[in-house]
Protein backbone atom coordinates (compact mmCIF):
# COMPACT_ATOMS: atom_id res chain seq x y z
CA MET A 1 -47.73 -64.46 42.54
CA ALA A 2 -50.45 -63.64 40.09
CA PHE A 3 -50.98 -65.52 36.87
CA GLN A 4 -52.39 -63.71 33.84
CA SER A 5 -54.20 -65.54 31.09
CA GLU A 6 -56.26 -64.43 28.13
CA GLY A 7 -59.88 -63.39 28.38
CA VAL A 8 -59.76 -60.46 30.78
CA GLU A 9 -61.42 -57.26 29.67
CA GLY A 10 -61.26 -54.18 31.86
CA GLY A 11 -60.49 -56.22 34.97
CA ARG A 12 -63.52 -58.47 34.45
CA LEU A 13 -63.87 -61.95 33.04
CA SER A 14 -64.90 -61.94 29.43
CA PRO A 15 -67.15 -64.66 28.03
CA ALA A 16 -64.03 -66.08 26.36
CA ARG A 17 -62.51 -66.93 29.76
CA MET A 18 -65.38 -68.66 31.43
CA VAL A 19 -64.30 -71.88 33.11
CA THR A 20 -63.14 -74.21 30.37
CA ALA A 21 -61.38 -77.56 30.42
CA ASP A 22 -58.09 -75.76 29.77
CA HIS A 23 -58.75 -73.37 32.68
CA LYS A 24 -59.37 -76.37 34.97
CA LEU A 25 -56.18 -78.09 33.75
CA THR A 26 -54.21 -74.92 34.41
CA TYR A 27 -55.66 -74.65 37.92
CA GLU A 28 -54.86 -78.31 38.61
CA SER A 29 -51.28 -77.98 37.40
CA LEU A 30 -50.74 -74.91 39.60
CA THR A 31 -52.27 -76.57 42.68
CA GLN A 32 -50.00 -79.58 42.18
CA ALA A 33 -47.07 -77.19 42.46
CA CYS A 34 -48.50 -75.27 45.43
CA PRO A 35 -51.65 -76.01 47.45
CA ALA A 36 -52.19 -72.29 48.14
CA VAL A 37 -53.58 -71.37 44.68
CA ARG A 38 -56.97 -69.74 44.21
CA GLU A 39 -59.05 -68.11 41.53
CA ALA A 40 -58.36 -64.38 41.44
CA GLY A 41 -61.00 -61.80 42.24
CA PRO A 42 -61.41 -58.10 41.44
CA ALA A 43 -59.34 -57.08 44.47
CA ASP A 44 -56.36 -58.94 42.99
CA ALA A 45 -56.05 -56.63 39.98
CA ILE A 46 -52.58 -55.20 39.53
CA ASP A 47 -52.29 -51.92 37.67
CA GLY A 48 -55.75 -52.48 36.23
CA LEU A 49 -55.12 -56.04 35.03
CA ALA A 50 -57.00 -58.90 36.67
CA PRO A 51 -55.06 -62.16 36.97
CA ALA A 52 -56.68 -65.55 36.50
CA PHE A 53 -55.06 -67.15 39.56
CA VAL A 54 -53.22 -66.07 42.70
CA ALA A 55 -50.73 -68.28 44.56
CA SER A 56 -48.97 -67.94 47.89
CA PRO A 57 -46.01 -70.31 47.84
CA ALA A 58 -44.75 -71.28 51.29
CA SER A 59 -41.19 -72.07 50.24
CA PRO A 60 -38.64 -71.44 47.49
CA ASP A 61 -39.32 -74.99 46.24
CA GLU A 62 -43.04 -74.22 45.83
CA ALA A 63 -42.22 -70.94 44.10
CA ALA A 64 -39.91 -72.75 41.68
CA ALA A 65 -42.53 -75.44 41.01
CA LEU A 66 -45.12 -72.72 40.33
CA MET A 67 -42.80 -71.01 37.88
CA ARG A 68 -42.26 -74.31 36.03
CA ALA A 69 -46.02 -75.00 35.94
CA ALA A 70 -46.74 -71.46 34.73
CA ALA A 71 -44.12 -71.73 31.99
CA ALA A 72 -45.53 -75.08 30.87
CA ARG A 73 -49.01 -73.54 30.58
CA GLY A 74 -47.81 -70.31 28.90
CA LEU A 75 -48.83 -68.03 31.78
CA ALA A 76 -47.30 -64.67 32.59
CA VAL A 77 -46.27 -64.39 36.24
CA ILE A 78 -46.46 -61.19 38.25
CA PRO A 79 -44.61 -61.31 41.60
CA ARG A 80 -46.62 -59.41 44.16
CA GLY A 81 -44.99 -59.77 47.58
CA ALA A 82 -47.18 -59.06 50.58
CA GLY A 83 -49.94 -57.42 48.56
CA THR A 84 -48.77 -53.83 48.61
CA ARG A 85 -49.41 -51.92 45.42
């Protein structure tokens, strides 16, 4: 799953999305739902859009918890599967 937030310009971080307190809170809420959450990198871009975070839930319960956390933080979720594009 990839999580899109504001502050991405042309697949790169804009100055507006440097690590902020809100960014840290979002990361913490996602990692509480699933320990396999990481900051996204350029290789994680999907159709030219770079996500803020990438998660690999190990179970349906983790996936559901991630969806709840994403909804609570106002994040768009992009299901990705095994990484094929």
